[in-house]
Amino acid sequence: MNRFIPVDRQTNYVLPPSVDNWLPDEHLARFVVDVVEQLGIKALLGAEVDEP
């Protein structure tokens, strides 16, 4: 009994894959993104960046 699914590696995605579909809700990467979004990085990027 074959349990493998054939894959065509030459076919591209029609739409870019969403990371939300690939990472579990409690994945560390989601936490890191949330923390980075809260950082004030205006000084790192320059004065021309407007922080929300």
C-alpha atoms as a PDB file:
ATOM      1  CA  MET A   1       0.000   0.000   0.000  1.00  0.00           C
ATOM      2  CA  ASN A   2       1.575   3.246  -1.189  1.00  0.00           C
ATOM      3  CA  ARG A   3       1.107   6.164   1.229  1.00  0.00           C
ATOM      4  CA  PHE A   4       3.183   8.671  -0.711  1.00  0.00           C
ATOM      5  CA  ILE A   5       1.535  11.491  -2.627  1.00  0.00           C
ATOM      6  CA  PRO A   6       3.159  12.275  -5.982  1.00  0.00           C
ATOM      7  CA  VAL A   7       4.500  15.835  -6.195  1.00  0.00           C
ATOM      8  CA  ASP A   8       5.216  17.842  -9.324  1.00  0.00           C
ATOM      9  CA  ARG A   9       8.192  19.955  -8.207  1.00  0.00           C
ATOM     10  CA  GLN A  10       8.206  21.893 -11.487  1.00  0.00           C
ATOM     11  CA  THR A  11       4.811  23.502 -10.855  1.00  0.00           C
ATOM     12  CA  ASN A  12       4.944  26.919  -9.186  1.00  0.00           C
ATOM     13  CA  TYR A  13       2.408  28.212  -6.699  1.00  0.00           C
ATOM     14  CA  VAL A  14      -0.513  30.094  -8.207  1.00  0.00           C
ATOM     15  CA  LEU A  15      -0.413  32.430  -5.198  1.00  0.00           C
ATOM     16  CA  PRO A  16       2.415  32.877  -2.727  1.00  0.00           C
ATOM     17  CA  PRO A  17       1.976  30.555   0.242  1.00  0.00           C
ATOM     18  CA  SER A  18       0.915  32.147   3.496  1.00  0.00           C
ATOM     19  CA  VAL A  19       3.085  31.554   6.549  1.00  0.00           C
ATOM     20  CA  ASP A  20      -0.125  31.614   8.577  1.00  0.00           C
ATOM     21  CA  ASN A  21      -1.043  28.292   6.990  1.00  0.00           C
ATOM     22  CA  TRP A  22       2.307  26.675   7.775  1.00  0.00           C
ATOM     23  CA  LEU A  23       3.031  27.757  11.344  1.00  0.00           C
ATOM     24  CA  PRO A  24       1.070  26.625  14.392  1.00  0.00           C
ATOM     25  CA  ASP A  25      -0.615  29.391  16.400  1.00  0.00           C
ATOM     26  CA  GLU A  26       1.877  29.074  19.281  1.00  0.00           C
ATOM     27  CA  HIS A  27       5.035  28.972  17.115  1.00  0.00           C
ATOM     28  CA  LEU A  28       7.987  31.069  18.343  1.00  0.00           C
ATOM     29  CA  ALA A  29       8.192  32.890  14.998  1.00  0.00           C
ATOM     30  CA  ARG A  30       4.766  34.446  15.618  1.00  0.00           C
ATOM     31  CA  PHE A  31       5.945  35.739  18.996  1.00  0.00           C
ATOM     32  CA  VAL A  32       9.099  37.231  17.444  1.00  0.00           C
ATOM     33  CA  VAL A  33       7.044  39.030  14.780  1.00  0.00           C
ATOM     34  CA  ASP A  34       4.755  40.486  17.452  1.00  0.00           C
ATOM     35  CA  VAL A  35       7.712  41.726  19.502  1.00  0.00           C
ATOM     36  CA  VAL A  36       9.502  43.258  16.509  1.00  0.00           C
ATOM     37  CA  GLU A  37       6.322  45.093  15.471  1.00  0.00           C
ATOM     38  CA  GLN A  38       6.229  46.738  18.902  1.00  0.00           C
ATOM     39  CA  LEU A  39       9.833  47.927  18.798  1.00  0.00           C
ATOM     40  CA  GLY A  40      10.548  51.556  18.012  1.00  0.00           C
ATOM     41  CA  ILE A  41      12.909  51.129  15.063  1.00  0.00           C
ATOM     42  CA  LYS A  42      12.633  54.707  13.768  1.00  0.00           C
ATOM     43  CA  ALA A  43      16.170  55.499  14.932  1.00  0.00           C
ATOM     44  CA  LEU A  44      17.541  52.460  13.127  1.00  0.00           C
ATOM     45  CA  LEU A  45      15.835  53.207   9.813  1.00  0.00           C
ATOM     46  CA  GLY A  46      16.175  56.989   9.752  1.00  0.00           C
ATOM     47  CA  ALA A  47      13.937  59.951  10.416  1.00  0.00           C
ATOM     48  CA  GLU A  48      11.963  59.592   7.163  1.00  0.00           C
ATOM     49  CA  VAL A  49      10.074  56.538   8.507  1.00  0.00           C
ATOM     50  CA  ASP A  50       6.726  57.288  10.150  1.00  0.00           C
ATOM     51  CA  GLU A  51       5.832  54.999  13.035  1.00  0.00           C
ATOM     52  CA  PRO A  52       2.123  54.098  13.309  1.00  0.00           C
END
